[in-house]
Amino acid sequence: MYQQEMKIPKDRVGVLIGVKGEVKGQIEDRFGVKIDVDSKMGDVIISGEDSINVYSAKNIVKAIGRGFAPVVAMQLEREDYMFDLIDITDYVGKSKKGLERLKGRMIGSEGKARKMIEMITETRISIYGKTVGIIGEIEGATIARRAVDMLLSGSPHGNVYKWLENQKRELKKRMFEGHGI
């Protein structure tokens, strides 16, 4: 029997459980695991016979805990998808003002920065608490991670968008060359 323990924010416990236990049940059924949730503390224990399934379920629970909708988090069951989590405090330390400023940079005016990265890299991004989460196909998520890193490190938005466009062109070029087009 394999077991993973973790904590998720208390305000995300309801999302993990879902209406009438639907989300939790879906994860348990899909991966053949048992999920125990302490809704007062946010403690989650995932147990099962298969270590890979327990790990996969943990990734999905962690993604839900970091602000992703369950339907987005469930994409992580695909082998070509990944979940990346970036701690904003690595860039600003304990400064609350710095944290808010960088979260604002990540979101951008009217959500433009986040939407632009999501659109170009075909990923989903969640800015929640002190973290930025990314879910997407491995190549797109890797590019999104670099763009997030650039923004959090202070690169101007325009430079990041240009870099993203270049990455998208390179990706398309490689795809065409790979298919002999």
Protein backbone atom coordinates (compact mmCIF):
# COMPACT_ATOMS: atom_id res chain seq x y z
CA MET A 1 0.00 0.00 0.00
CA TYR A 2 1.36 3.41 -1.02
CA GLN A 3 0.41 6.67 0.65
CA GLN A 4 0.97 10.37 0.03
CA GLU A 5 0.09 13.11 2.50
CA MET A 6 -0.29 16.75 1.64
CA LYS A 7 -2.00 19.97 2.65
CA ILE A 8 -4.23 22.11 0.46
CA PRO A 9 -5.69 25.51 1.34
CA LYS A 10 -8.92 25.14 3.35
CA ASP A 11 -10.83 27.27 0.82
CA ARG A 12 -9.99 24.70 -1.92
CA VAL A 13 -11.22 21.63 0.02
CA GLY A 14 -14.80 22.12 -1.23
CA VAL A 15 -13.56 22.24 -4.83
CA LEU A 16 -11.57 19.02 -4.31
CA ILE A 17 -14.55 17.22 -2.82
CA GLY A 18 -17.03 18.66 -5.33
CA VAL A 19 -20.83 18.59 -5.28
CA LYS A 20 -21.92 15.39 -3.49
CA GLY A 21 -18.29 14.18 -3.51
CA GLU A 22 -18.24 14.03 -7.31
CA VAL A 23 -14.69 15.36 -7.94
CA LYS A 24 -13.08 13.30 -5.18
CA GLY A 25 -14.99 10.23 -6.38
CA GLN A 26 -13.92 10.79 -9.98
CA ILE A 27 -10.22 10.93 -8.97
CA GLU A 28 -10.60 7.86 -6.74
CA ASP A 29 -12.33 5.87 -9.50
CA ARG A 30 -9.93 6.93 -12.25
CA PHE A 31 -6.77 6.07 -10.30
CA GLY A 32 -8.01 3.32 -7.98
CA VAL A 33 -7.04 5.31 -4.89
CA LYS A 34 -8.69 6.32 -1.63
CA ILE A 35 -8.65 10.03 -0.73
CA ASP A 36 -9.22 11.08 2.88
CA VAL A 37 -9.78 14.79 3.43
CA ASP A 38 -9.77 16.68 6.73
CA SER A 39 -11.84 19.66 5.65
CA LYS A 40 -11.05 21.67 8.81
CA MET A 41 -7.27 21.42 8.39
CA GLY A 42 -6.86 20.94 4.63
CA ASP A 43 -4.98 17.68 5.16
CA VAL A 44 -5.30 15.15 2.35
CA ILE A 45 -4.14 11.52 2.43
CA ILE A 46 -4.08 9.58 -0.84
CA SER A 47 -3.54 5.83 -0.63
CA GLY A 48 -3.57 3.00 -3.14
CA GLU A 49 -1.93 -0.18 -4.42
CA ASP A 50 -0.14 1.45 -7.40
CA SER A 51 2.55 4.05 -6.62
CA ILE A 52 2.21 5.70 -10.04
CA ASN A 53 -1.56 6.12 -9.64
CA VAL A 54 -1.09 7.54 -6.13
CA TYR A 55 1.47 10.02 -7.49
CA SER A 56 -0.80 10.98 -10.42
CA ALA A 57 -3.75 11.54 -8.09
CA LYS A 58 -1.51 13.64 -5.81
CA ASN A 59 -0.56 15.87 -8.76
CA ILE A 60 -4.24 16.43 -9.61
CA VAL A 61 -5.15 17.16 -5.97
CA LYS A 62 -2.20 19.56 -5.72
CA ALA A 63 -3.30 21.37 -8.91
CA ILE A 64 -6.84 21.75 -7.56
CA GLY A 65 -5.33 23.03 -4.31
CA ARG A 66 -3.36 25.64 -6.26
CA GLY A 67 -6.45 27.15 -7.89
CA PHE A 68 -7.12 25.06 -10.98
CA ALA A 69 -10.64 23.90 -11.85
CA PRO A 70 -10.98 20.11 -11.50
CA VAL A 71 -11.63 19.70 -15.25
CA VAL A 72 -8.29 21.42 -16.01
CA ALA A 73 -6.42 19.49 -13.29
CA MET A 74 -7.74 16.18 -14.65
CA GLN A 75 -5.78 16.81 -17.88
CA LEU A 76 -2.74 15.77 -15.84
CA GLU A 77 -3.77 12.15 -16.27
CA ARG A 78 -2.43 12.45 -19.81
CA GLU A 79 1.21 11.40 -20.14
CA ASP A 80 2.09 14.37 -22.36
CA TYR A 81 0.82 16.92 -19.79
CA MET A 82 2.69 18.37 -16.84
CA PHE A 83 2.06 20.54 -13.79
CA ASP A 84 4.64 23.14 -12.82
CA LEU A 85 4.48 25.28 -9.70
CA ILE A 86 6.50 28.47 -9.26
CA ASP A 87 6.87 30.07 -5.83
CA ILE A 88 6.67 33.85 -6.22
CA THR A 89 8.46 34.35 -2.89
CA ASP A 90 11.60 32.98 -4.56
CA TYR A 91 11.62 36.31 -6.44
CA VAL A 92 10.56 38.74 -3.66
CA GLY A 93 11.24 37.05 -0.33
CA LYS A 94 8.73 37.83 2.41
CA SER A 95 7.69 41.27 1.13
CA LYS A 96 3.87 41.42 0.93
CA LYS A 97 4.03 44.50 -1.32
CA GLY A 98 6.52 42.75 -3.60
CA LEU A 99 4.30 39.66 -3.75
CA GLU A 100 1.24 41.72 -4.74
CA ARG A 101 3.28 43.65 -7.32
CA LEU A 102 4.55 40.45 -8.97
CA LYS A 103 1.11 38.85 -8.93
CA GLY A 104 -0.12 42.00 -10.69
CA ARG A 105 2.69 41.72 -13.28
CA MET A 106 1.76 38.09 -13.88
CA ILE A 107 -1.91 38.86 -14.36
CA GLY A 108 -1.31 42.05 -16.33
CA SER A 109 -3.77 44.79 -17.16
CA GLU A 110 -7.24 43.18 -17.38
CA GLY A 111 -5.60 39.74 -17.30
CA LYS A 112 -3.72 40.35 -20.56
CA ALA A 113 -0.33 38.92 -19.51
CA ARG A 114 -1.75 35.65 -18.22
CA LYS A 115 -4.11 35.26 -21.20
CA MET A 116 -1.30 35.99 -23.66
CA ILE A 117 0.99 33.32 -22.16
CA GLU A 118 -1.89 30.81 -22.02
CA MET A 119 -2.91 31.50 -25.62
CA ILE A 120 0.57 31.31 -27.15
CA THR A 121 1.72 28.25 -25.16
CA GLU A 122 -1.69 26.51 -25.11
CA THR A 123 -1.44 26.10 -21.33
CA ARG A 124 -3.56 27.07 -18.34
CA ILE A 125 -2.14 29.31 -15.63
CA SER A 126 -3.40 29.83 -12.08
CA ILE A 127 -2.09 32.62 -9.88
CA TYR A 128 -3.10 31.63 -6.37
CA GLY A 129 -1.65 32.68 -3.03
CA LYS A 130 2.12 32.84 -3.37
CA THR A 131 2.32 30.59 -6.43
CA VAL A 132 1.92 30.49 -10.18
CA GLY A 133 0.76 27.11 -11.47
CA ILE A 134 1.03 25.95 -15.08
CA ILE A 135 -0.74 22.98 -16.69
CA GLY A 136 -0.19 22.01 -20.30
CA GLU A 137 1.60 19.82 -22.77
CA ILE A 138 5.24 19.45 -21.78
CA GLU A 139 6.71 21.69 -24.49
CA GLY A 140 4.14 24.45 -24.05
CA ALA A 141 4.40 24.32 -20.25
CA THR A 142 8.18 24.59 -20.46
CA ILE A 143 7.91 27.71 -22.63
CA ALA A 144 5.22 29.15 -20.30
CA ARG A 145 7.52 28.53 -17.31
CA ARG A 146 10.29 30.53 -18.97
CA ALA A 147 7.87 33.39 -19.80
CA VAL A 148 6.61 33.45 -16.19
CA ASP A 149 10.21 33.47 -14.96
CA MET A 150 11.00 36.39 -17.27
CA LEU A 151 8.01 38.42 -16.00
CA LEU A 152 8.74 37.65 -12.34
CA SER A 153 12.39 38.63 -12.91
CA GLY A 154 11.32 42.05 -14.21
CA SER A 155 11.49 41.70 -18.01
CA PRO A 156 9.17 44.18 -19.78
CA HIS A 157 5.89 42.60 -20.91
CA GLY A 158 6.58 43.54 -24.55
CA ASN A 159 9.90 41.68 -24.55
CA VAL A 160 8.25 38.59 -23.06
CA TYR A 161 5.46 38.67 -25.69
CA LYS A 162 8.03 38.96 -28.51
CA TRP A 163 10.02 36.07 -27.06
CA LEU A 164 6.82 33.99 -26.82
CA GLU A 165 5.90 34.74 -30.45
CA ASN A 166 9.39 33.64 -31.54
CA GLN A 167 9.02 30.42 -29.54
CA LYS A 168 5.64 29.76 -31.16
CA ARG A 169 7.14 30.26 -34.65
CA GLU A 170 10.02 27.90 -33.82
CA LEU A 171 7.59 25.30 -32.52
CA LYS A 172 5.47 25.46 -35.68
CA LYS A 173 8.59 25.27 -37.83
CA ARG A 174 9.76 22.14 -35.98
CA MET A 175 6.30 20.59 -36.33
CA PHE A 176 6.25 21.21 -40.08
CA GLU A 177 9.76 19.82 -40.50
CA GLY A 178 8.81 16.77 -38.42
CA HIS A 179 5.86 16.02 -40.69
CA GLY A 180 7.76 16.59 -43.93
CA ILE A 181 5.56 19.52 -44.94
